[in-house]
Amino acid sequence: MSFVHAIAEVIWIESLLKELHVQLARKTTLWCDNSSTVAMLANSILHSKFKHVELDLFFVHEKVATCQLVVGYVPAQDQVADVLMKPLPA
């Protein structure tokens, strides 16, 4: 759900920039190291299997389906933010 909220914030920032007449050079790409999250956002059939479906999830899926934003997968070993979130080995 945190990734869905991050996407919702990005969409809000894009709409703010659009109101300020700022043109974006390309589509926004958000990277995620959770392959099931990327699959869930790309495939609408998987939504029927969730018992607690948030409205945000459908909103973000619509944005991905209409190619307004791109969700990409990055393997965990290539995730540079993990250094800031996980403890270092002894």
PDB file of N, CA and C in Angstrom:
ATOM      1  N   MET A   1       0.814  -1.191   0.000  1.00  0.00           N
ATOM      2  CA  MET A   1       0.000   0.000   0.000  1.00  0.00           C
ATOM      3  C   MET A   1       0.860   1.257   0.000  1.00  0.00           C
ATOM      4  N   SER A   2       2.061   1.184   0.560  1.00  0.00           N
ATOM      5  CA  SER A   2       2.915   2.376   0.576  1.00  0.00           C
ATOM      6  C   SER A   2       3.324   2.772  -0.844  1.00  0.00           C
ATOM      7  N   PHE A   3       3.524   1.793  -1.706  1.00  0.00           N
ATOM      8  CA  PHE A   3       3.875   2.101  -3.092  1.00  0.00           C
ATOM      9  C   PHE A   3       2.703   2.758  -3.812  1.00  0.00           C
ATOM     10  N   VAL A   4       1.492   2.291  -3.531  1.00  0.00           N
ATOM     11  CA  VAL A   4       0.298   2.885  -4.132  1.00  0.00           C
ATOM     12  C   VAL A   4       0.142   4.327  -3.667  1.00  0.00           C
ATOM     13  N   HIS A   5       0.415   4.591  -2.390  1.00  0.00           N
ATOM     14  CA  HIS A   5       0.336   5.965  -1.890  1.00  0.00           C
ATOM     15  C   HIS A   5       1.426   6.843  -2.506  1.00  0.00           C
ATOM     16  N   ALA A   6       2.600   6.283  -2.725  1.00  0.00           N
ATOM     17  CA  ALA A   6       3.667   7.046  -3.385  1.00  0.00           C
ATOM     18  C   ALA A   6       3.266   7.413  -4.813  1.00  0.00           C
ATOM     19  N   ILE A   7       2.637   6.481  -5.515  1.00  0.00           N
ATOM     20  CA  ILE A   7       2.174   6.761  -6.874  1.00  0.00           C
ATOM     21  C   ILE A   7       1.090   7.834  -6.859  1.00  0.00           C
ATOM     22  N   ALA A   8       0.191   7.770  -5.887  1.00  0.00           N
ATOM     23  CA  ALA A   8      -0.857   8.786  -5.779  1.00  0.00           C
ATOM     24  C   ALA A   8      -0.247  10.169  -5.555  1.00  0.00           C
ATOM     25  N   GLU A   9       0.822  10.246  -4.761  1.00  0.00           N
ATOM     26  CA  GLU A   9       1.504  11.520  -4.543  1.00  0.00           C
ATOM     27  C   GLU A   9       2.170  12.022  -5.821  1.00  0.00           C
ATOM     28  N   VAL A  10       2.779  11.122  -6.568  1.00  0.00           N
ATOM     29  CA  VAL A  10       3.414  11.506  -7.839  1.00  0.00           C
ATOM     30  C   VAL A  10       2.377  12.037  -8.814  1.00  0.00           C
ATOM     31  N   ILE A  11       1.220  11.399  -8.866  1.00  0.00           N
ATOM     32  CA  ILE A  11       0.147  11.853  -9.753  1.00  0.00           C
ATOM     33  C   ILE A  11      -0.326  13.243  -9.324  1.00  0.00           C
ATOM     34  N   TRP A  12      -0.404  13.472  -8.017  1.00  0.00           N
ATOM     35  CA  TRP A  12      -0.811  14.790  -7.523  1.00  0.00           C
ATOM     36  C   TRP A  12       0.213  15.853  -7.918  1.00  0.00           C
ATOM     37  N   ILE A  13       1.502  15.539  -7.775  1.00  0.00           N
ATOM     38  CA  ILE A  13       2.554  16.489  -8.152  1.00  0.00           C
ATOM     39  C   ILE A  13       2.511  16.771  -9.653  1.00  0.00           C
ATOM     40  N   GLU A  14       2.267  15.734 -10.453  1.00  0.00           N
ATOM     41  CA  GLU A  14       2.150  15.940 -11.901  1.00  0.00           C
ATOM     42  C   GLU A  14       0.973  16.852 -12.241  1.00  0.00           C
ATOM     43  N   SER A  15      -0.147  16.680 -11.545  1.00  0.00           N
ATOM     44  CA  SER A  15      -1.301  17.548 -11.815  1.00  0.00           C
ATOM     45  C   SER A  15      -1.020  18.984 -11.387  1.00  0.00           C
ATOM     46  N   LEU A  16      -0.283  19.158 -10.301  1.00  0.00           N
ATOM     47  CA  LEU A  16       0.104  20.497  -9.871  1.00  0.00           C
ATOM     48  C   LEU A  16       1.008  21.162 -10.903  1.00  0.00           C
ATOM     49  N   LEU A  17       1.982  20.422 -11.408  1.00  0.00           N
ATOM     50  CA  LEU A  17       2.870  20.956 -12.438  1.00  0.00           C
ATOM     51  C   LEU A  17       2.102  21.295 -13.711  1.00  0.00           C
ATOM     52  N   LYS A  18       1.103  20.481 -14.028  1.00  0.00           N
ATOM     53  CA  LYS A  18       0.291  20.752 -15.217  1.00  0.00           C
ATOM     54  C   LYS A  18      -0.493  22.059 -15.047  1.00  0.00           C
ATOM     55  N   GLU A  19      -1.015  22.298 -13.844  1.00  0.00           N
ATOM     56  CA  GLU A  19      -1.723  23.550 -13.584  1.00  0.00           C
ATOM     57  C   GLU A  19      -0.789  24.753 -13.667  1.00  0.00           C
ATOM     58  N   LEU A  20       0.470  24.544 -13.338  1.00  0.00           N
ATOM     59  CA  LEU A  20       1.464  25.620 -13.416  1.00  0.00           C
ATOM     60  C   LEU A  20       2.072  25.737 -14.807  1.00  0.00           C
ATOM     61  N   HIS A  21       1.537  24.962 -15.766  1.00  0.00           N
ATOM     62  CA  HIS A  21       1.978  24.966 -17.165  1.00  0.00           C
ATOM     63  C   HIS A  21       3.439  24.536 -17.318  1.00  0.00           C
ATOM     64  N   VAL A  22       3.843  23.558 -16.525  1.00  0.00           N
ATOM     65  CA  VAL A  22       5.177  22.970 -16.637  1.00  0.00           C
ATOM     66  C   VAL A  22       5.034  21.662 -17.410  1.00  0.00           C
ATOM     67  N   GLN A  23       5.730  21.552 -18.527  1.00  0.00           N
ATOM     68  CA  GLN A  23       5.664  20.352 -19.347  1.00  0.00           C
ATOM     69  C   GLN A  23       6.716  19.346 -18.879  1.00  0.00           C
ATOM     70  N   LEU A  24       6.317  18.109 -18.700  1.00  0.00           N
ATOM     71  CA  LEU A  24       7.254  17.050 -18.344  1.00  0.00           C
ATOM     72  C   LEU A  24       7.853  16.472 -19.623  1.00  0.00           C
ATOM     73  N   ALA A  25       9.142  16.196 -19.589  1.00  0.00           N
ATOM     74  CA  ALA A  25       9.832  15.695 -20.778  1.00  0.00           C
ATOM     75  C   ALA A  25       9.438  14.262 -21.119  1.00  0.00           C
ATOM     76  N   ARG A  26       9.096  13.467 -20.115  1.00  0.00           N
ATOM     77  CA  ARG A  26       8.735  12.066 -20.353  1.00  0.00           C
ATOM     78  C   ARG A  26       7.782  11.595 -19.261  1.00  0.00           C
ATOM     79  N   LYS A  27       7.279  10.392 -19.427  1.00  0.00           N
ATOM     80  CA  LYS A  27       6.384   9.807 -18.435  1.00  0.00           C
ATOM     81  C   LYS A  27       7.164   9.501 -17.164  1.00  0.00           C
ATOM     82  N   THR A  28       6.476   9.578 -16.058  1.00  0.00           N
ATOM     83  CA  THR A  28       7.102   9.268 -14.775  1.00  0.00           C
ATOM     84  C   THR A  28       7.248   7.761 -14.639  1.00  0.00           C
ATOM     85  N   THR A  29       8.426   7.326 -14.204  1.00  0.00           N
ATOM     86  CA  THR A  29       8.681   5.912 -13.955  1.00  0.00           C
ATOM     87  C   THR A  29       8.960   5.724 -12.475  1.00  0.00           C
ATOM     88  N   LEU A  30       8.218   4.841 -11.845  1.00  0.00           N
ATOM     89  CA  LEU A  30       8.454   4.488 -10.453  1.00  0.00           C
ATOM     90  C   LEU A  30       8.989   3.070 -10.414  1.00  0.00           C
ATOM     91  N   TRP A  31      10.028   2.868  -9.621  1.00  0.00           N
ATOM     92  CA  TRP A  31      10.682   1.562  -9.544  1.00  0.00           C
ATOM     93  C   TRP A  31      10.327   0.895  -8.224  1.00  0.00           C
ATOM     94  N   CYS A  32      10.100  -0.405  -8.286  1.00  0.00           N
ATOM     95  CA  CYS A  32       9.730  -1.180  -7.108  1.00  0.00           C
ATOM     96  C   CYS A  32      10.516  -2.481  -7.098  1.00  0.00           C
ATOM     97  N   ASP A  33      10.945  -2.922  -5.917  1.00  0.00           N
ATOM     98  CA  ASP A  33      11.681  -4.180  -5.826  1.00  0.00           C
ATOM     99  C   ASP A  33      10.784  -5.352  -5.435  1.00  0.00           C
ATOM    100  N   ASN A  34       9.480  -5.144  -5.442  1.00  0.00           N
ATOM    101  CA  ASN A  34       8.528  -6.198  -5.118  1.00  0.00           C
ATOM    102  C   ASN A  34       7.818  -6.608  -6.396  1.00  0.00           C
ATOM    103  N   SER A  35       8.149  -7.769  -6.914  1.00  0.00           N
ATOM    104  CA  SER A  35       7.593  -8.201  -8.199  1.00  0.00           C
ATOM    105  C   SER A  35       6.088  -8.429  -8.127  1.00  0.00           C
ATOM    106  N   SER A  36       5.569  -8.829  -6.972  1.00  0.00           N
ATOM    107  CA  SER A  36       4.120  -9.037  -6.876  1.00  0.00           C
ATOM    108  C   SER A  36       3.367  -7.710  -6.933  1.00  0.00           C
ATOM    109  N   THR A  37       3.947  -6.650  -6.413  1.00  0.00           N
ATOM    110  CA  THR A  37       3.315  -5.333  -6.507  1.00  0.00           C
ATOM    111  C   THR A  37       3.263  -4.865  -7.949  1.00  0.00           C
ATOM    112  N   VAL A  38       4.354  -5.041  -8.677  1.00  0.00           N
ATOM    113  CA  VAL A  38       4.390  -4.648 -10.088  1.00  0.00           C
ATOM    114  C   VAL A  38       3.375  -5.461 -10.883  1.00  0.00           C
ATOM    115  N   ALA A  39       3.265  -6.760 -10.612  1.00  0.00           N
ATOM    116  CA  ALA A  39       2.301  -7.612 -11.313  1.00  0.00           C
ATOM    117  C   ALA A  39       0.870  -7.221 -10.966  1.00  0.00           C
ATOM    118  N   MET A  40       0.635  -6.862  -9.715  1.00  0.00           N
ATOM    119  CA  MET A  40      -0.702  -6.473  -9.280  1.00  0.00           C
ATOM    120  C   MET A  40      -1.151  -5.197  -9.986  1.00  0.00           C
ATOM    121  N   LEU A  41      -0.253  -4.247 -10.168  1.00  0.00           N
ATOM    122  CA  LEU A  41      -0.608  -2.997 -10.827  1.00  0.00           C
ATOM    123  C   LEU A  41      -0.765  -3.164 -12.328  1.00  0.00           C
ATOM    124  N   ALA A  42      -0.100  -4.139 -12.899  1.00  0.00           N
ATOM    125  CA  ALA A  42      -0.168  -4.343 -14.352  1.00  0.00           C
ATOM    126  C   ALA A  42      -1.335  -5.230 -14.775  1.00  0.00           C
ATOM    127  N   ASN A  43      -1.843  -6.090 -13.886  1.00  0.00           N
ATOM    128  CA  ASN A  43      -2.843  -7.084 -14.262  1.00  0.00           C
ATOM    129  C   ASN A  43      -4.124  -6.865 -13.463  1.00  0.00           C
ATOM    130  N   SER A  44      -5.200  -6.498 -14.133  1.00  0.00           N
ATOM    131  CA  SER A  44      -6.463  -6.235 -13.435  1.00  0.00           C
ATOM    132  C   SER A  44      -7.139  -7.510 -12.952  1.00  0.00           C
ATOM    133  N   ILE A  45      -6.793  -8.651 -13.506  1.00  0.00           N
ATOM    134  CA  ILE A  45      -7.413  -9.917 -13.086  1.00  0.00           C
ATOM    135  C   ILE A  45      -7.024 -10.255 -11.655  1.00  0.00           C
ATOM    136  N   LEU A  46      -5.843  -9.888 -11.241  1.00  0.00           N
ATOM    137  CA  LEU A  46      -5.390 -10.190  -9.893  1.00  0.00           C
ATOM    138  C   LEU A  46      -6.184  -9.448  -8.830  1.00  0.00           C
ATOM    139  N   HIS A  47      -6.834  -8.346  -9.177  1.00  0.00           N
ATOM    140  CA  HIS A  47      -7.566  -7.566  -8.188  1.00  0.00           C
ATOM    141  C   HIS A  47      -8.723  -8.344  -7.576  1.00  0.00           C
ATOM    142  N   SER A  48      -9.300  -9.270  -8.309  1.00  0.00           N
ATOM    143  CA  SER A  48     -10.433 -10.024  -7.785  1.00  0.00           C
ATOM    144  C   SER A  48     -10.018 -10.963  -6.654  1.00  0.00           C
ATOM    145  N   LYS A  49      -8.734 -11.239  -6.525  1.00  0.00           N
ATOM    146  CA  LYS A  49      -8.268 -12.160  -5.493  1.00  0.00           C
ATOM    147  C   LYS A  49      -8.018 -11.469  -4.156  1.00  0.00           C
ATOM    148  N   PHE A  50      -8.071 -10.145  -4.120  1.00  0.00           N
ATOM    149  CA  PHE A  50      -7.823  -9.423  -2.883  1.00  0.00           C
ATOM    150  C   PHE A  50      -9.121  -9.257  -2.110  1.00  0.00           C
ATOM    151  N   LYS A  51      -9.044  -9.475  -0.795  1.00  0.00           N
ATOM    152  CA  LYS A  51     -10.233  -9.307   0.028  1.00  0.00           C
ATOM    153  C   LYS A  51     -10.391  -7.869   0.484  1.00  0.00           C
ATOM    154  N   HIS A  52      -9.317  -7.148   0.618  1.00  0.00           N
ATOM    155  CA  HIS A  52      -9.386  -5.741   1.025  1.00  0.00           C
ATOM    156  C   HIS A  52      -8.792  -4.894  -0.106  1.00  0.00           C
ATOM    157  N   VAL A  53      -9.646  -4.444  -0.972  1.00  0.00           N
ATOM    158  CA  VAL A  53      -9.191  -3.673  -2.125  1.00  0.00           C
ATOM    159  C   VAL A  53      -9.464  -2.203  -1.852  1.00  0.00           C
ATOM    160  N   GLU A  54      -8.424  -1.428  -1.945  1.00  0.00           N
ATOM    161  CA  GLU A  54      -8.545   0.000  -1.738  1.00  0.00           C
ATOM    162  C   GLU A  54      -8.910   0.687  -3.046  1.00  0.00           C
ATOM    163  N   LEU A  55      -9.566   1.816  -2.942  1.00  0.00           N
ATOM    164  CA  LEU A  55      -9.916   2.598  -4.117  1.00  0.00           C
ATOM    165  C   LEU A  55      -8.665   3.125  -4.808  1.00  0.00           C
ATOM    166  N   ASP A  56      -7.620   3.411  -4.030  1.00  0.00           N
ATOM    167  CA  ASP A  56      -6.356   3.895  -4.594  1.00  0.00           C
ATOM    168  C   ASP A  56      -5.765   2.887  -5.568  1.00  0.00           C
ATOM    169  N   LEU A  57      -5.912   1.608  -5.268  1.00  0.00           N
ATOM    170  CA  LEU A  57      -5.349   0.568  -6.126  1.00  0.00           C
ATOM    171  C   LEU A  57      -5.978   0.599  -7.514  1.00  0.00           C
ATOM    172  N   PHE A  58      -7.291   0.773  -7.573  1.00  0.00           N
ATOM    173  CA  PHE A  58      -7.961   0.862  -8.868  1.00  0.00           C
ATOM    174  C   PHE A  58      -7.568   2.135  -9.605  1.00  0.00           C
ATOM    175  N   PHE A  59      -7.417   3.230  -8.860  1.00  0.00           N
ATOM    176  CA  PHE A  59      -7.017   4.499  -9.452  1.00  0.00           C
ATOM    177  C   PHE A  59      -5.634   4.387 -10.085  1.00  0.00           C
ATOM    178  N   VAL A  60      -4.697   3.788  -9.368  1.00  0.00           N
ATOM    179  CA  VAL A  60      -3.335   3.637  -9.877  1.00  0.00           C
ATOM    180  C   VAL A  60      -3.314   2.648 -11.039  1.00  0.00           C
ATOM    181  N   HIS A  61      -4.076   1.573 -10.942  1.00  0.00           N
ATOM    182  CA  HIS A  61      -4.133   0.604 -12.048  1.00  0.00           C
ATOM    183  C   HIS A  61      -4.632   1.275 -13.319  1.00  0.00           C
ATOM    184  N   GLU A  62      -5.598   2.165 -13.187  1.00  0.00           N
ATOM    185  CA  GLU A  62      -6.119   2.889 -14.352  1.00  0.00           C
ATOM    186  C   GLU A  62      -5.025   3.755 -14.980  1.00  0.00           C
ATOM    187  N   LYS A  63      -4.214   4.398 -14.143  1.00  0.00           N
ATOM    188  CA  LYS A  63      -3.126   5.240 -14.657  1.00  0.00           C
ATOM    189  C   LYS A  63      -2.064   4.395 -15.369  1.00  0.00           C
ATOM    190  N   VAL A  64      -1.774   3.213 -14.842  1.00  0.00           N
ATOM    191  CA  VAL A  64      -0.801   2.323 -15.477  1.00  0.00           C
ATOM    192  C   VAL A  64      -1.373   1.756 -16.774  1.00  0.00           C
ATOM    193  N   ALA A  65      -2.654   1.397 -16.767  1.00  0.00           N
ATOM    194  CA  ALA A  65      -3.284   0.810 -17.955  1.00  0.00           C
ATOM    195  C   ALA A  65      -3.374   1.813 -19.097  1.00  0.00           C
ATOM    196  N   THR A  66      -3.561   3.093 -18.781  1.00  0.00           N
ATOM    197  CA  THR A  66      -3.648   4.117 -19.827  1.00  0.00           C
ATOM    198  C   THR A  66      -2.287   4.709 -20.167  1.00  0.00           C
ATOM    199  N   CYS A  67      -1.226   4.116 -19.638  1.00  0.00           N
ATOM    200  CA  CYS A  67       0.162   4.525 -19.905  1.00  0.00           C
ATOM    201  C   CYS A  67       0.458   5.957 -19.499  1.00  0.00           C
ATOM    202  N   GLN A  68      -0.197   6.449 -18.457  1.00  0.00           N
ATOM    203  CA  GLN A  68       0.118   7.775 -17.950  1.00  0.00           C
ATOM    204  C   GLN A  68       1.332   7.744 -17.036  1.00  0.00           C
ATOM    205  N   LEU A  69       1.621   6.591 -16.462  1.00  0.00           N
ATOM    206  CA  LEU A  69       2.850   6.406 -15.713  1.00  0.00           C
ATOM    207  C   LEU A  69       3.321   4.978 -15.880  1.00  0.00           C
ATOM    208  N   VAL A  70       4.604   4.763 -15.621  1.00  0.00           N
ATOM    209  CA  VAL A  70       5.226   3.462 -15.833  1.00  0.00           C
ATOM    210  C   VAL A  70       5.730   2.943 -14.489  1.00  0.00           C
ATOM    211  N   VAL A  71       5.417   1.696 -14.198  1.00  0.00           N
ATOM    212  CA  VAL A  71       5.921   1.043 -12.986  1.00  0.00           C
ATOM    213  C   VAL A  71       6.925  -0.004 -13.431  1.00  0.00           C
ATOM    214  N   GLY A  72       8.145   0.116 -12.935  1.00  0.00           N
ATOM    215  CA  GLY A  72       9.201  -0.808 -13.311  1.00  0.00           C
ATOM    216  C   GLY A  72       9.668  -1.650 -12.146  1.00  0.00           C
ATOM    217  N   TYR A  73      10.263  -2.767 -12.465  1.00  0.00           N
ATOM    218  CA  TYR A  73      10.791  -3.681 -11.449  1.00  0.00           C
ATOM    219  C   TYR A  73      12.297  -3.571 -11.405  1.00  0.00           C
ATOM    220  N   VAL A  74      12.840  -3.456 -10.216  1.00  0.00           N
ATOM    221  CA  VAL A  74      14.279  -3.468 -10.019  1.00  0.00           C
ATOM    222  C   VAL A  74      14.584  -4.586  -9.016  1.00  0.00           C
ATOM    223  N   PRO A  75      15.505  -5.479  -9.347  1.00  0.00           N
ATOM    224  CA  PRO A  75      15.827  -6.565  -8.414  1.00  0.00           C
ATOM    225  C   PRO A  75      16.366  -6.014  -7.087  1.00  0.00           C
ATOM    226  N   ALA A  76      16.141  -6.751  -6.020  1.00  0.00           N
ATOM    227  CA  ALA A  76      16.537  -6.293  -4.688  1.00  0.00           C
ATOM    228  C   ALA A  76      18.041  -6.043  -4.591  1.00  0.00           C
ATOM    229  N   GLN A  77      18.857  -6.836  -5.280  1.00  0.00           N
ATOM    230  CA  GLN A  77      20.309  -6.634  -5.194  1.00  0.00           C
ATOM    231  C   GLN A  77      20.748  -5.344  -5.886  1.00  0.00           C
ATOM    232  N   ASP A  78      19.925  -4.807  -6.790  1.00  0.00           N
ATOM    233  CA  ASP A  78      20.245  -3.550  -7.465  1.00  0.00           C
ATOM    234  C   ASP A  78      19.588  -2.345  -6.812  1.00  0.00           C
ATOM    235  N   GLN A  79      18.840  -2.555  -5.755  1.00  0.00           N
ATOM    236  CA  GLN A  79      18.117  -1.475  -5.080  1.00  0.00           C
ATOM    237  C   GLN A  79      19.091  -0.668  -4.234  1.00  0.00           C
ATOM    238  N   VAL A  80      19.379   0.563  -4.658  1.00  0.00           N
ATOM    239  CA  VAL A  80      20.355   1.385  -3.950  1.00  0.00           C
ATOM    240  C   VAL A  80      19.793   1.948  -2.655  1.00  0.00           C
ATOM    241  N   ALA A  81      18.478   2.056  -2.509  1.00  0.00           N
ATOM    242  CA  ALA A  81      17.886   2.596  -1.284  1.00  0.00           C
ATOM    243  C   ALA A  81      17.966   1.611  -0.128  1.00  0.00           C
ATOM    244  N   ASP A  82      18.227   0.335  -0.392  1.00  0.00           N
ATOM    245  CA  ASP A  82      18.305  -0.649   0.690  1.00  0.00           C
ATOM    246  C   ASP A  82      19.432  -0.345   1.671  1.00  0.00           C
ATOM    247  N   VAL A  83      20.469   0.324   1.229  1.00  0.00           N
ATOM    248  CA  VAL A  83      21.574   0.668   2.114  1.00  0.00           C
ATOM    249  C   VAL A  83      21.081   1.576   3.224  1.00  0.00           C
ATOM    250  N   LEU A  84      20.124   2.429   2.947  1.00  0.00           N
ATOM    251  CA  LEU A  84      19.606   3.355   3.943  1.00  0.00           C
ATOM    252  C   LEU A  84      18.554   2.728   4.833  1.00  0.00           C
ATOM    253  N   MET A  85      17.995   1.574   4.458  1.00  0.00           N
ATOM    254  CA  MET A  85      16.888   0.986   5.214  1.00  0.00           C
ATOM    255  C   MET A  85      17.251  -0.258   5.988  1.00  0.00           C
ATOM    256  N   LYS A  86      18.329  -0.915   5.633  1.00  0.00           N
ATOM    257  CA  LYS A  86      18.681  -2.175   6.283  1.00  0.00           C
ATOM    258  C   LYS A  86      19.996  -2.022   7.023  1.00  0.00           C
ATOM    259  N   PRO A  87      20.152  -2.740   8.137  1.00  0.00           N
ATOM    260  CA  PRO A  87      21.392  -2.617   8.900  1.00  0.00           C
ATOM    261  C   PRO A  87      22.568  -3.228   8.151  1.00  0.00           C
ATOM    262  N   LEU A  88      23.728  -2.688   8.403  1.00  0.00           N
ATOM    263  CA  LEU A  88      24.946  -3.228   7.796  1.00  0.00           C
ATOM    264  C   LEU A  88      25.393  -4.458   8.550  1.00  0.00           C
ATOM    265  N   PRO A  89      26.046  -5.403   7.879  1.00  0.00           N
ATOM    266  CA  PRO A  89      26.528  -6.584   8.599  1.00  0.00           C
ATOM    267  C   PRO A  89      27.654  -6.195   9.564  1.00  0.00           C
ATOM    268  N   ALA A  90      27.821  -7.010  10.569  1.00  0.00           N
ATOM    269  CA  ALA A  90      28.847  -6.716  11.592  1.00  0.00           C
ATOM    270  C   ALA A  90      30.248  -6.771  11.044  1.00  0.00           C
TER     271      ALA A  90
END
